[in-house]
Protein backbone atom coordinates (compact mmCIF):
# COMPACT_ATOMS: atom_id res chain seq x y z
CA MET A 1 -87.92 40.41 -5.05
CA ALA A 2 -85.06 39.68 -3.00
CA LEU A 3 -84.20 36.01 -1.29
CA LYS A 4 -82.99 35.66 1.27
CA TYR A 5 -80.25 33.12 1.18
CA SER A 6 -78.16 31.24 4.63
CA ASN A 7 -75.53 29.31 5.11
CA LYS A 8 -76.25 25.58 3.83
CA ILE A 9 -74.92 23.46 6.38
CA ASN A 10 -76.53 25.81 8.87
CA LYS A 11 -80.40 25.54 7.16
CA ILE A 12 -79.79 21.41 7.05
CA ARG A 13 -79.50 22.08 10.67
CA THR A 14 -81.98 24.25 11.52
CA PHE A 15 -84.80 21.19 10.18
CA ALA A 16 -82.96 19.28 12.93
CA LEU A 17 -83.71 20.99 15.02
CA SER A 18 -87.04 21.82 13.54
CA LEU A 19 -88.20 17.82 13.55
CA ILE A 20 -87.08 17.35 17.58
CA PHE A 21 -89.90 20.22 18.04
CA ILE A 22 -92.38 18.56 15.50
CA GLY A 23 -91.69 15.03 17.93
CA PHE A 24 -92.11 16.60 20.92
CA ILE A 25 -95.36 18.61 19.88
CA VAL A 26 -96.96 15.44 18.29
CA MET A 27 -96.31 13.46 21.82
CA TYR A 28 -97.71 16.23 23.03
CA GLY A 29 -100.61 15.80 21.15
CA GLY A 30 -100.82 12.15 22.73
CA ILE A 31 -101.29 13.27 26.23
CA PHE A 32 -105.50 15.21 24.85
CA PHE A 33 -106.16 10.80 24.40
CA ARG A 34 -105.33 9.66 26.81
CA SER A 35 -108.56 7.77 26.83
CA TYR A 36 -107.61 5.42 24.09
CA PRO A 37 -104.18 3.81 24.87
CA LEU A 38 -103.94 3.04 21.29
CA VAL A 39 -103.84 6.18 20.00
CA MET A 40 -101.71 7.72 22.48
CA THR A 41 -99.28 5.00 21.64
CA ILE A 42 -99.07 5.82 18.00
CA PHE A 43 -98.90 9.29 18.61
CA MET A 44 -95.62 8.90 21.32
CA ILE A 45 -94.15 6.28 18.51
CA LEU A 46 -94.75 8.92 15.64
CA GLY A 47 -93.06 11.55 17.88
CA LEU A 48 -90.22 9.22 18.50
CA LEU A 49 -90.02 8.98 14.65
CA PHE A 50 -89.32 12.20 14.55
CA ILE A 51 -86.70 12.94 17.28
CA VAL A 52 -85.22 9.95 15.57
CA ALA A 53 -84.86 10.96 12.06
CA SER A 54 -83.96 14.80 13.60
CA THR A 55 -80.72 12.59 15.21
CA VAL A 56 -79.99 10.91 11.84
CA VAL A 57 -80.32 14.18 9.93
CA TYR A 58 -77.76 15.85 12.35
CA PHE A 59 -75.31 12.44 12.46
CA TRP A 60 -75.20 13.28 8.45
CA ILE A 61 -74.61 16.62 8.41
CA GLY A 62 -71.67 16.00 10.91
CA MET A 63 -69.99 13.67 8.58
CA LEU A 64 -71.01 15.61 5.87
CA SER A 65 -69.14 18.56 8.09
CA THR A 66 -65.89 17.69 7.68
CA LYS A 67 -65.15 17.33 4.13
CA THR A 68 -65.78 21.15 3.96
CA VAL A 69 -64.00 23.78 2.75
CA GLN A 70 -62.87 25.60 5.64
CA VAL A 71 -62.32 29.45 4.28
CA VAL A 72 -61.97 33.08 5.95
CA CYS A 73 -64.43 34.64 5.08
CA PRO A 74 -63.19 38.39 2.91
CA ASN A 75 -65.68 40.27 4.28
CA CYS A 76 -65.83 39.21 8.46
CA ASP A 77 -62.39 38.20 8.53
CA LYS A 78 -64.19 34.22 10.23
CA PRO A 79 -63.53 31.06 9.55
CA THR A 80 -66.22 29.06 7.75
CA LYS A 81 -66.88 26.26 6.23
CA MET A 82 -68.17 25.60 2.51
CA LEU A 83 -69.74 23.16 1.13
CA GLY A 84 -71.16 22.53 -2.70
CA ARG A 85 -69.03 25.79 -4.95
CA VAL A 86 -70.41 28.60 -3.91
CA ASP A 87 -72.10 29.40 -0.39
CA MET A 88 -72.68 32.27 1.90
CA CYS A 89 -70.82 33.51 5.07
CA MET A 90 -72.39 31.83 8.44
CA TYR A 91 -71.89 35.49 10.35
CA CYS A 92 -71.99 37.69 7.61
CA ASN A 93 -74.10 36.19 4.68
CA GLU A 94 -71.10 37.23 2.50
CA PRO A 95 -72.05 35.45 -1.23
CA LEU A 96 -68.54 32.83 -1.43
CA THR A 97 -66.98 30.66 -4.03
CA LEU A 98 -64.29 28.94 -4.48
CA ASP A 99 -64.84 28.49 -8.46
CA PRO A 100 -63.01 31.93 -10.70
CA SER A 101 -65.50 31.50 -13.14
CA LEU A 102 -68.16 32.57 -10.56
CA GLU A 103 -66.26 35.39 -9.20
CA GLY A 104 -68.00 38.58 -10.19
CA LYS A 105 -71.14 37.06 -11.01
CA ASP A 106 -74.54 37.79 -8.84
CA PHE A 107 -74.65 34.82 -5.95
CA ASN A 108 -77.38 32.24 -7.24
CA GLU A 109 -77.47 28.21 -5.47
CA LYS A 110 -78.04 26.99 -8.95
CA TYR A 111 -74.20 27.43 -9.34
CA ASN A 112 -74.25 24.27 -7.53
CA ARG A 113 -75.68 21.64 -9.81
CA LYS A 114 -73.65 19.64 -11.53
CA ASN A 115 -75.56 20.61 -14.46
CA TYR A 116 -74.83 23.25 -14.47
CA GLN A 117 -71.94 24.19 -17.11
CA LYS A 118 -74.91 22.59 -19.76
CA GLU A 119 -77.64 25.11 -18.73
CA SER A 120 -74.97 28.34 -19.72
């Protein structure tokens, strides 16, 4: 079974974008309860909370993105940001690592866990 890996920064950004859409859908759901102002208000506030959560996630990943290591992908020669010991290229999904002990090994996201050294 082949797993689909992607860049961690892009995964978090996709999650934040989905929070925005969920917020809008919840708000539009409130329209069906126009005859019940309290229920409609609850839907609107819940939708707003999803959008605020998205803003917080975008801010967090933006701050995290400033601490990443920027490398040039050996496959596509484009600069990409690496988060952790192993990551994927943002453009071509090439597995990348800065740890010489992991070079040549199959890509696995468990290498980013702090307790990975204990497992091996």
